[in-house]
PDB file of N, CA and C in Angstrom:
ATOM      1  N   MET A   1     -14.485  -3.405  12.981  1.00  0.00           N
ATOM      2  CA  MET A   1     -13.103  -3.378  13.965  1.00  0.00           C
ATOM      3  C   MET A   1     -13.445  -2.498  15.058  1.00  0.00           C
ATOM      4  N   GLN A   2     -13.056  -2.894  16.450  1.00  0.00           N
ATOM      5  CA  GLN A   2     -13.524  -1.878  17.322  1.00  0.00           C
ATOM      6  C   GLN A   2     -12.662  -0.691  17.188  1.00  0.00           C
ATOM      7  N   ASP A   3     -13.103   0.434  18.128  1.00  0.00           N
ATOM      8  CA  ASP A   3     -12.134   1.630  17.944  1.00  0.00           C
ATOM      9  C   ASP A   3     -11.014   1.525  18.607  1.00  0.00           C
ATOM     10  N   LEU A   4      -9.920   1.966  17.882  1.00  0.00           N
ATOM     11  CA  LEU A   4      -8.480   1.628  18.147  1.00  0.00           C
ATOM     12  C   LEU A   4      -8.154   3.162  18.659  1.00  0.00           C
ATOM     13  N   ASN A   5      -7.089   3.040  19.601  1.00  0.00           N
ATOM     14  CA  ASN A   5      -6.171   4.523  19.725  1.00  0.00           C
ATOM     15  C   ASN A   5      -4.995   4.505  18.902  1.00  0.00           C
ATOM     16  N   TRP A   6      -5.251   4.818  17.649  1.00  0.00           N
ATOM     17  CA  TRP A   6      -3.996   4.893  16.684  1.00  0.00           C
ATOM     18  C   TRP A   6      -2.961   5.999  17.091  1.00  0.00           C
ATOM     19  N   GLN A   7      -1.627   5.663  16.974  1.00  0.00           N
ATOM     20  CA  GLN A   7      -0.629   6.158  17.357  1.00  0.00           C
ATOM     21  C   GLN A   7       0.378   6.274  16.503  1.00  0.00           C
ATOM     22  N   LYS A   8       0.925   7.415  15.954  1.00  0.00           N
ATOM     23  CA  LYS A   8       2.010   7.611  14.822  1.00  0.00           C
ATOM     24  C   LYS A   8       3.366   6.906  15.505  1.00  0.00           C
ATOM     25  N   SER A   9       3.922   6.113  14.562  1.00  0.00           N
ATOM     26  CA  SER A   9       5.052   5.511  14.820  1.00  0.00           C
ATOM     27  C   SER A   9       6.436   6.640  14.987  1.00  0.00           C
ATOM     28  N   SER A  10       7.193   6.525  16.133  1.00  0.00           N
ATOM     29  CA  SER A  10       8.218   7.649  16.173  1.00  0.00           C
ATOM     30  C   SER A  10       9.185   7.210  14.926  1.00  0.00           C
ATOM     31  N   PHE A  11       9.166   6.340  14.313  1.00  0.00           N
ATOM     32  CA  PHE A  11      10.047   6.299  13.319  1.00  0.00           C
ATOM     33  C   PHE A  11       9.458   6.880  12.140  1.00  0.00           C
ATOM     34  N   SER A  12       8.418   7.159  11.723  1.00  0.00           N
ATOM     35  CA  SER A  12       7.932   7.781  10.461  1.00  0.00           C
ATOM     36  C   SER A  12       8.135   9.160  10.511  1.00  0.00           C
ATOM     37  N   GLY A  13       8.709   9.990  11.461  1.00  0.00           N
ATOM     38  CA  GLY A  13       9.410  11.069  11.469  1.00  0.00           C
ATOM     39  C   GLY A  13       8.194  12.509  10.853  1.00  0.00           C
ATOM     40  N   ASP A  14       8.579  13.356   9.920  1.00  0.00           N
ATOM     41  CA  ASP A  14       7.477  14.472   9.442  1.00  0.00           C
ATOM     42  C   ASP A  14       7.084  14.117   8.119  1.00  0.00           C
ATOM     43  N   GLY A  15       7.262  13.166   7.511  1.00  0.00           N
ATOM     44  CA  GLY A  15       6.986  12.894   6.175  1.00  0.00           C
ATOM     45  C   GLY A  15       5.241  12.671   6.018  1.00  0.00           C
ATOM     46  N   SER A  16       4.942  12.183   4.986  1.00  0.00           N
ATOM     47  CA  SER A  16       3.477  12.185   4.800  1.00  0.00           C
ATOM     48  C   SER A  16       3.457  10.695   4.644  1.00  0.00           C
ATOM     49  N   ASN A  17       4.294   9.783   4.476  1.00  0.00           N
ATOM     50  CA  ASN A  17       4.093   8.535   4.379  1.00  0.00           C
ATOM     51  C   ASN A  17       4.483   7.921   5.868  1.00  0.00           C
ATOM     52  N   CYS A  18       3.474   7.668   6.905  1.00  0.00           N
ATOM     53  CA  CYS A  18       3.420   7.378   7.894  1.00  0.00           C
ATOM     54  C   CYS A  18       2.823   6.032   8.300  1.00  0.00           C
ATOM     55  N   VAL A  19       3.278   5.282   9.348  1.00  0.00           N
ATOM     56  CA  VAL A  19       2.723   4.235   9.858  1.00  0.00           C
ATOM     57  C   VAL A  19       2.216   4.496  11.241  1.00  0.00           C
ATOM     58  N   TYR A  20       1.089   3.970  11.438  1.00  0.00           N
ATOM     59  CA  TYR A  20       0.207   4.161  12.712  1.00  0.00           C
ATOM     60  C   TYR A  20      -0.018   2.611  13.223  1.00  0.00           C
ATOM     61  N   VAL A  21       0.185   2.659  14.968  1.00  0.00           N
ATOM     62  CA  VAL A  21       0.356   1.538  15.402  1.00  0.00           C
ATOM     63  C   VAL A  21      -0.736   1.748  16.497  1.00  0.00           C
ATOM     64  N   ALA A  22      -1.831   0.608  16.749  1.00  0.00           N
ATOM     65  CA  ALA A  22      -2.652   0.477  17.835  1.00  0.00           C
ATOM     66  C   ALA A  22      -2.674  -0.818  18.601  1.00  0.00           C
ATOM     67  N   ALA A  23      -2.873  -0.798  19.850  1.00  0.00           N
ATOM     68  CA  ALA A  23      -2.991  -2.253  20.540  1.00  0.00           C
ATOM     69  C   ALA A  23      -4.411  -2.340  21.142  1.00  0.00           C
ATOM     70  N   ALA A  24      -4.799  -3.686  20.982  1.00  0.00           N
ATOM     71  CA  ALA A  24      -5.995  -3.984  21.370  1.00  0.00           C
ATOM     72  C   ALA A  24      -6.288  -4.333  22.829  1.00  0.00           C
ATOM     73  N   PRO A  25      -7.200  -4.441  23.349  1.00  0.00           N
ATOM     74  CA  PRO A  25      -7.081  -5.067  24.691  1.00  0.00           C
ATOM     75  C   PRO A  25      -7.091  -6.661  24.411  1.00  0.00           C
ATOM     76  N   THR A  26      -7.654  -7.257  23.344  1.00  0.00           N
ATOM     77  CA  THR A  26      -7.383  -8.727  23.172  1.00  0.00           C
ATOM     78  C   THR A  26      -6.042  -9.087  22.926  1.00  0.00           C
ATOM     79  N   GLY A  27      -4.861  -8.253  22.943  1.00  0.00           N
ATOM     80  CA  GLY A  27      -3.339  -8.626  22.726  1.00  0.00           C
ATOM     81  C   GLY A  27      -3.048  -8.458  21.460  1.00  0.00           C
ATOM     82  N   THR A  28      -3.890  -8.137  20.616  1.00  0.00           N
ATOM     83  CA  THR A  28      -3.280  -8.037  19.113  1.00  0.00           C
ATOM     84  C   THR A  28      -2.625  -6.642  18.883  1.00  0.00           C
ATOM     85  N   VAL A  29      -1.925  -6.522  17.754  1.00  0.00           N
ATOM     86  CA  VAL A  29      -1.367  -5.344  17.508  1.00  0.00           C
ATOM     87  C   VAL A  29      -1.623  -4.976  16.173  1.00  0.00           C
ATOM     88  N   HIS A  30      -2.136  -3.718  15.813  1.00  0.00           N
ATOM     89  CA  HIS A  30      -2.461  -3.254  14.335  1.00  0.00           C
ATOM     90  C   HIS A  30      -1.659  -2.199  13.900  1.00  0.00           C
ATOM     91  N   LEU A  31      -1.461  -2.286  12.568  1.00  0.00           N
ATOM     92  CA  LEU A  31      -0.446  -1.431  11.878  1.00  0.00           C
ATOM     93  C   LEU A  31      -1.290  -1.040  10.688  1.00  0.00           C
ATOM     94  N   ARG A  32      -1.305   0.217  10.217  1.00  0.00           N
ATOM     95  CA  ARG A  32      -1.707   0.751   9.140  1.00  0.00           C
ATOM     96  C   ARG A  32      -0.766   1.852   8.588  1.00  0.00           C
ATOM     97  N   GLU A  33      -1.059   2.319   7.002  1.00  0.00           N
ATOM     98  CA  GLU A  33       0.009   3.275   6.716  1.00  0.00           C
ATOM     99  C   GLU A  33      -1.118   4.549   6.220  1.00  0.00           C
ATOM    100  N   SER A  34      -0.502   5.698   6.241  1.00  0.00           N
ATOM    101  CA  SER A  34      -1.393   6.834   6.254  1.00  0.00           C
ATOM    102  C   SER A  34      -2.018   6.762   4.550  1.00  0.00           C
ATOM    103  N   ASP A  35      -1.373   6.376   3.806  1.00  0.00           N
ATOM    104  CA  ASP A  35      -1.650   6.458   2.176  1.00  0.00           C
ATOM    105  C   ASP A  35      -2.904   5.638   2.266  1.00  0.00           C
ATOM    106  N   ASP A  36      -3.133   4.411   3.060  1.00  0.00           N
ATOM    107  CA  ASP A  36      -4.209   3.491   2.907  1.00  0.00           C
ATOM    108  C   ASP A  36      -4.693   2.860   4.274  1.00  0.00           C
ATOM    109  N   PRO A  37      -5.418   3.998   5.223  1.00  0.00           N
ATOM    110  CA  PRO A  37      -5.714   3.810   6.246  1.00  0.00           C
ATOM    111  C   PRO A  37      -6.854   2.689   6.570  1.00  0.00           C
ATOM    112  N   ASP A  38      -7.640   2.230   5.329  1.00  0.00           N
ATOM    113  CA  ASP A  38      -8.550   1.142   5.608  1.00  0.00           C
ATOM    114  C   ASP A  38      -7.756  -0.308   5.394  1.00  0.00           C
ATOM    115  N   THR A  39      -6.722  -0.239   5.025  1.00  0.00           N
ATOM    116  CA  THR A  39      -5.834  -1.488   5.299  1.00  0.00           C
ATOM    117  C   THR A  39      -5.088  -1.662   6.629  1.00  0.00           C
ATOM    118  N   VAL A  40      -5.502  -2.925   7.267  1.00  0.00           N
ATOM    119  CA  VAL A  40      -4.842  -3.108   8.628  1.00  0.00           C
ATOM    120  C   VAL A  40      -4.006  -4.344   8.660  1.00  0.00           C
ATOM    121  N   LEU A  41      -3.013  -4.360   9.012  1.00  0.00           N
ATOM    122  CA  LEU A  41      -2.274  -5.732   9.302  1.00  0.00           C
ATOM    123  C   LEU A  41      -2.434  -5.909  10.833  1.00  0.00           C
ATOM    124  N   THR A  42      -2.890  -6.955  11.060  1.00  0.00           N
ATOM    125  CA  THR A  42      -3.032  -7.597  12.657  1.00  0.00           C
ATOM    126  C   THR A  42      -1.953  -8.723  12.900  1.00  0.00           C
ATOM    127  N   THR A  43      -1.342  -8.506  14.240  1.00  0.00           N
ATOM    128  CA  THR A  43      -0.340  -9.431  14.672  1.00  0.00           C
ATOM    129  C   THR A  43      -0.535  -9.474  16.203  1.00  0.00           C
ATOM    130  N   THR A  44       0.631  -9.940  16.457  1.00  0.00           N
ATOM    131  CA  THR A  44       0.505 -10.177  18.077  1.00  0.00           C
ATOM    132  C   THR A  44       1.817  -9.423  18.292  1.00  0.00           C
ATOM    133  N   ALA A  45       2.215  -9.149  19.530  1.00  0.00           N
ATOM    134  CA  ALA A  45       3.579  -8.206  19.894  1.00  0.00           C
ATOM    135  C   ALA A  45       4.680  -9.191  19.705  1.00  0.00           C
ATOM    136  N   PRO A  46       4.527 -10.436  20.048  1.00  0.00           N
ATOM    137  CA  PRO A  46       6.076 -11.267  19.446  1.00  0.00           C
ATOM    138  C   PRO A  46       6.016 -11.263  18.055  1.00  0.00           C
ATOM    139  N   GLY A  47       5.087 -11.488  17.219  1.00  0.00           N
ATOM    140  CA  GLY A  47       4.768 -11.393  15.778  1.00  0.00           C
ATOM    141  C   GLY A  47       5.420  -9.966  15.233  1.00  0.00           C
ATOM    142  N   LEU A  48       5.310  -8.696  15.811  1.00  0.00           N
ATOM    143  CA  LEU A  48       5.714  -7.512  15.367  1.00  0.00           C
ATOM    144  C   LEU A  48       7.240  -7.297  15.784  1.00  0.00           C
ATOM    145  N   ARG A  49       7.540  -7.900  16.899  1.00  0.00           N
ATOM    146  CA  ARG A  49       9.177  -8.046  17.477  1.00  0.00           C
ATOM    147  C   ARG A  49       9.837  -8.719  16.336  1.00  0.00           C
ATOM    148  N   ALA A  50       9.310  -9.948  15.867  1.00  0.00           N
ATOM    149  CA  ALA A  50      10.210 -10.968  15.013  1.00  0.00           C
ATOM    150  C   ALA A  50      10.337  -9.982  13.808  1.00  0.00           C
ATOM    151  N   LEU A  51       9.117  -9.385  13.317  1.00  0.00           N
ATOM    152  CA  LEU A  51       9.263  -8.564  12.022  1.00  0.00           C
ATOM    153  C   LEU A  51      10.119  -7.383  12.307  1.00  0.00           C
ATOM    154  N   ILE A  52      10.286  -6.950  13.180  1.00  0.00           N
ATOM    155  CA  ILE A  52      11.023  -5.405  13.508  1.00  0.00           C
ATOM    156  C   ILE A  52      12.633  -6.290  13.399  1.00  0.00           C
ATOM    157  N   SER A  53      12.693  -7.158  14.144  1.00  0.00           N
ATOM    158  CA  SER A  53      14.031  -7.890  14.265  1.00  0.00           C
ATOM    159  C   SER A  53      14.518  -8.511  13.061  1.00  0.00           C
ATOM    160  N   GLY A  54      13.755  -8.975  12.207  1.00  0.00           N
ATOM    161  CA  GLY A  54      14.201  -9.395  10.815  1.00  0.00           C
ATOM    162  C   GLY A  54      14.539  -8.232   9.808  1.00  0.00           C
ATOM    163  N   LEU A  55      13.733  -7.064   9.923  1.00  0.00           N
ATOM    164  CA  LEU A  55      13.995  -5.864   9.283  1.00  0.00           C
ATOM    165  C   LEU A  55      15.559  -5.284   9.497  1.00  0.00           C
ATOM    166  N   LYS A  56      15.562  -5.199  10.876  1.00  0.00           N
ATOM    167  CA  LYS A  56      16.990  -4.849  11.281  1.00  0.00           C
ATOM    168  C   LYS A  56      17.925  -5.696  10.784  1.00  0.00           C
ATOM    169  N   GLU A  57      18.002  -6.898  11.035  1.00  0.00           N
ATOM    170  CA  GLU A  57      18.860  -7.866  10.278  1.00  0.00           C
ATOM    171  C   GLU A  57      19.030  -7.882   9.071  1.00  0.00           C
ATOM    172  N   ARG A  58      18.178  -7.283   8.253  1.00  0.00           N
ATOM    173  CA  ARG A  58      18.030  -7.574   6.638  1.00  0.00           C
ATOM    174  C   ARG A  58      19.157  -6.203   6.413  1.00  0.00           C
ATOM    175  N   GLU A  59      18.808  -5.095   7.280  1.00  0.00           N
ATOM    176  CA  GLU A  59      19.233  -3.479   7.008  1.00  0.00           C
ATOM    177  C   GLU A  59      20.917  -3.939   7.104  1.00  0.00           C
ATOM    178  N   ARG A  60      21.074  -4.538   8.365  1.00  0.00           N
ATOM    179  CA  ARG A  60      22.764  -4.742   8.783  1.00  0.00           C
ATOM    180  C   ARG A  60      23.195  -5.487   7.669  1.00  0.00           C
ATOM    181  N   ASN A  61      22.764  -6.694   7.301  1.00  0.00           N
ATOM    182  CA  ASN A  61      23.237  -7.587   6.327  1.00  0.00           C
ATOM    183  C   ASN A  61      23.430  -6.606   4.769  1.00  0.00           C
ATOM    184  N   ASP A  62      22.541  -5.745   4.503  1.00  0.00           N
ATOM    185  CA  ASP A  62      22.600  -4.893   3.316  1.00  0.00           C
ATOM    186  C   ASP A  62      23.807  -4.063   3.277  1.00  0.00           C
ATOM    187  N   ALA A  63      24.086  -3.537   4.508  1.00  0.00           N
ATOM    188  CA  ALA A  63      24.961  -2.249   4.817  1.00  0.00           C
ATOM    189  C   ALA A  63      26.449  -2.466   4.248  1.00  0.00           C
TER     190      ALA A  63
END
């Protein structure tokens, strides 16, 4: 995988379990967790939006 500019998600806070995000010039978005940085989830911006939207909807329904 090409060198990516990983950024800590603003939702990770100060804890030790952090999510990192990197955007590639190809238009893909990469996600990894601090506990297992060699495992990378690759998606597109619309795919990430759909994931976040679905998680927020689930959170609202569980409240």
